[in-house]
């Protein structure tokens, strides 16, 4: 296309509404064309326009991993608060209560980790098909 660029001395100007421009720009960005001008040339001259294909399963994967990360952060914060509280306790009955809370939080954390492992395994199996 370098040789073609040197011969491009004429301009074609036409007006579009803001909505039309947004649609054209969106389609251009979804393609592999480097510029809006390239995209429009491909469309006008009937050349095939290669669009970028987004794998929906990867988007779902990233959304699910984000949710799992938030849950793990919340569990981790609770865990850290429990451990911090354990270090400040001086009476035995209160210490036993916090140990029970700690065990519940630990089980919750391990269950969530298992959930993450299962989810990753399912996604791996679906991608390998």
Protein backbone atom coordinates (compact mmCIF):
# COMPACT_ATOMS: atom_id res chain seq x y z
CA UNK A 1 0.00 0.00 0.00
CA UNK A 2 3.00 2.30 0.28
CA UNK A 3 3.03 2.85 -3.49
CA UNK A 4 -0.71 3.52 -3.49
CA UNK A 5 -0.34 6.19 -0.80
CA UNK A 6 1.99 8.28 -2.98
CA UNK A 7 -0.69 8.46 -5.71
CA UNK A 8 -3.45 9.59 -3.37
CA UNK A 9 -3.80 13.26 -4.12
CA UNK A 10 -7.59 13.61 -4.34
CA UNK A 11 -9.92 14.01 -1.38
CA UNK A 12 -13.50 12.93 -1.08
CA UNK A 13 -15.41 14.69 1.68
CA UNK A 14 -18.92 13.81 2.78
CA UNK A 15 -20.91 14.54 5.88
CA UNK A 16 -22.46 12.10 8.32
CA UNK A 17 -24.50 12.54 11.49
CA UNK A 18 -22.84 11.97 14.87
CA UNK A 19 -24.71 8.67 15.21
CA UNK A 20 -23.55 7.52 11.78
CA UNK A 21 -19.98 8.53 12.61
CA UNK A 22 -20.09 6.53 15.85
CA UNK A 23 -21.30 3.45 13.95
CA UNK A 24 -18.60 3.81 11.30
CA UNK A 25 -15.92 4.42 13.91
CA UNK A 26 -17.08 1.43 15.98
CA UNK A 27 -16.94 -0.87 12.95
CA UNK A 28 -13.53 0.51 12.02
CA UNK A 29 -12.14 -0.16 15.49
CA UNK A 30 -13.58 -3.69 15.40
CA UNK A 31 -11.63 -4.36 12.20
CA UNK A 32 -7.94 -4.92 11.64
CA UNK A 33 -7.63 -1.74 9.56
CA UNK A 34 -5.01 0.69 10.81
CA UNK A 35 -7.07 3.81 10.18
CA UNK A 36 -10.58 4.96 9.46
CA UNK A 37 -9.49 5.89 5.92
CA UNK A 38 -8.22 2.37 5.29
CA UNK A 39 -11.47 0.93 6.59
CA UNK A 40 -13.57 3.17 4.33
CA UNK A 41 -11.39 2.33 1.29
CA UNK A 42 -11.87 -1.38 1.94
CA UNK A 43 -15.64 -0.87 2.18
CA UNK A 44 -15.93 1.35 -0.92
CA UNK A 45 -13.78 -0.86 -3.14
CA UNK A 46 -15.42 -4.08 -2.00
CA UNK A 47 -12.32 -5.54 -0.43
CA UNK A 48 -12.90 -7.97 2.43
CA UNK A 49 -12.76 -6.33 5.84
CA UNK A 50 -11.31 -8.54 8.53
CA UNK A 51 -13.00 -7.95 11.84
CA UNK A 52 -11.59 -8.84 15.21
CA UNK A 53 -13.37 -11.78 16.77
CA UNK A 54 -13.73 -11.74 20.53
CA UNK A 55 -14.08 -15.06 22.24
CA UNK A 56 -17.04 -14.71 24.59
CA UNK A 57 -15.85 -17.51 26.83
CA UNK A 58 -12.70 -15.56 27.62
CA UNK A 59 -14.78 -12.52 28.56
CA UNK A 60 -16.92 -14.71 30.82
CA UNK A 61 -13.76 -16.18 32.29
CA UNK A 62 -12.31 -12.77 33.11
CA UNK A 63 -15.59 -11.61 34.68
CA UNK A 64 -15.82 -14.75 36.81
CA UNK A 65 -12.18 -14.47 37.89
CA UNK A 66 -12.82 -10.84 38.90
CA UNK A 67 -15.76 -11.89 41.08
CA UNK A 68 -13.75 -14.72 42.63
CA UNK A 69 -10.87 -12.36 43.32
CA UNK A 70 -13.20 -9.95 45.14
CA UNK A 71 -14.58 -12.79 47.24
CA UNK A 72 -11.08 -14.01 48.08
CA UNK A 73 -10.04 -10.48 49.05
CA UNK A 74 -13.04 -10.19 51.38
CA UNK A 75 -12.27 -13.59 52.93
CA UNK A 76 -8.61 -12.65 53.27
CA UNK A 77 -9.53 -9.40 55.03
CA UNK A 78 -11.75 -11.28 57.48
CA UNK A 79 -8.98 -13.80 58.04
CA UNK A 80 -6.43 -11.06 58.75
CA UNK A 81 -8.81 -9.34 61.16
CA UNK A 82 -9.35 -12.63 63.00
CA UNK A 83 -5.63 -13.29 63.31
CA UNK A 84 -5.01 -9.72 64.48
CA UNK A 85 -7.74 -10.11 67.07
CA UNK A 86 -6.26 -13.44 68.25
CA UNK A 87 -2.99 -11.69 69.00
CA UNK A 88 -4.72 -9.16 71.25
CA UNK A 89 -6.74 -11.61 73.35
CA UNK A 90 -5.79 -12.22 76.94
CA UNK A 91 -8.73 -14.24 78.27
CA UNK A 92 -9.12 -17.92 77.44
CA UNK A 93 -12.93 -18.04 76.75
CA UNK A 94 -12.71 -15.19 74.26
CA UNK A 95 -9.73 -16.91 72.64
CA UNK A 96 -11.78 -20.08 72.09
CA UNK A 97 -14.56 -18.11 70.40
CA UNK A 98 -12.11 -16.54 68.01
CA UNK A 99 -10.56 -19.93 67.27
CA UNK A 100 -13.99 -21.19 66.18
CA UNK A 101 -14.46 -18.14 63.97
CA UNK A 102 -11.00 -18.73 62.54
CA UNK A 103 -11.88 -22.34 61.67
CA UNK A 104 -15.07 -21.22 59.88
CA UNK A 105 -13.15 -18.59 57.90
CA UNK A 106 -10.47 -21.14 57.04
CA UNK A 107 -13.08 -23.59 55.72
CA UNK A 108 -14.71 -20.81 53.69
CA UNK A 109 -11.35 -19.87 52.20
CA UNK A 110 -10.54 -23.47 51.27
CA UNK A 111 -14.00 -23.95 49.73
CA UNK A 112 -13.54 -20.83 47.61
CA UNK A 113 -10.11 -22.00 46.47
CA UNK A 114 -11.64 -25.34 45.46
CA UNK A 115 -14.35 -23.44 43.57
CA UNK A 116 -11.69 -21.51 41.67
CA UNK A 117 -9.84 -24.70 40.81
CA UNK A 118 -13.03 -26.35 39.53
CA UNK A 119 -13.91 -23.28 37.46
CA UNK A 120 -10.47 -23.13 35.89
CA UNK A 121 -10.64 -26.86 35.14
CA UNK A 122 -14.03 -26.51 33.41
CA UNK A 123 -12.80 -23.59 31.31
CA UNK A 124 -9.65 -25.48 30.38
CA UNK A 125 -11.68 -28.48 29.25
CA UNK A 126 -14.05 -26.32 27.18
CA UNK A 127 -11.17 -24.48 25.46
CA UNK A 128 -9.35 -27.72 24.64
CA UNK A 129 -12.32 -29.16 22.73
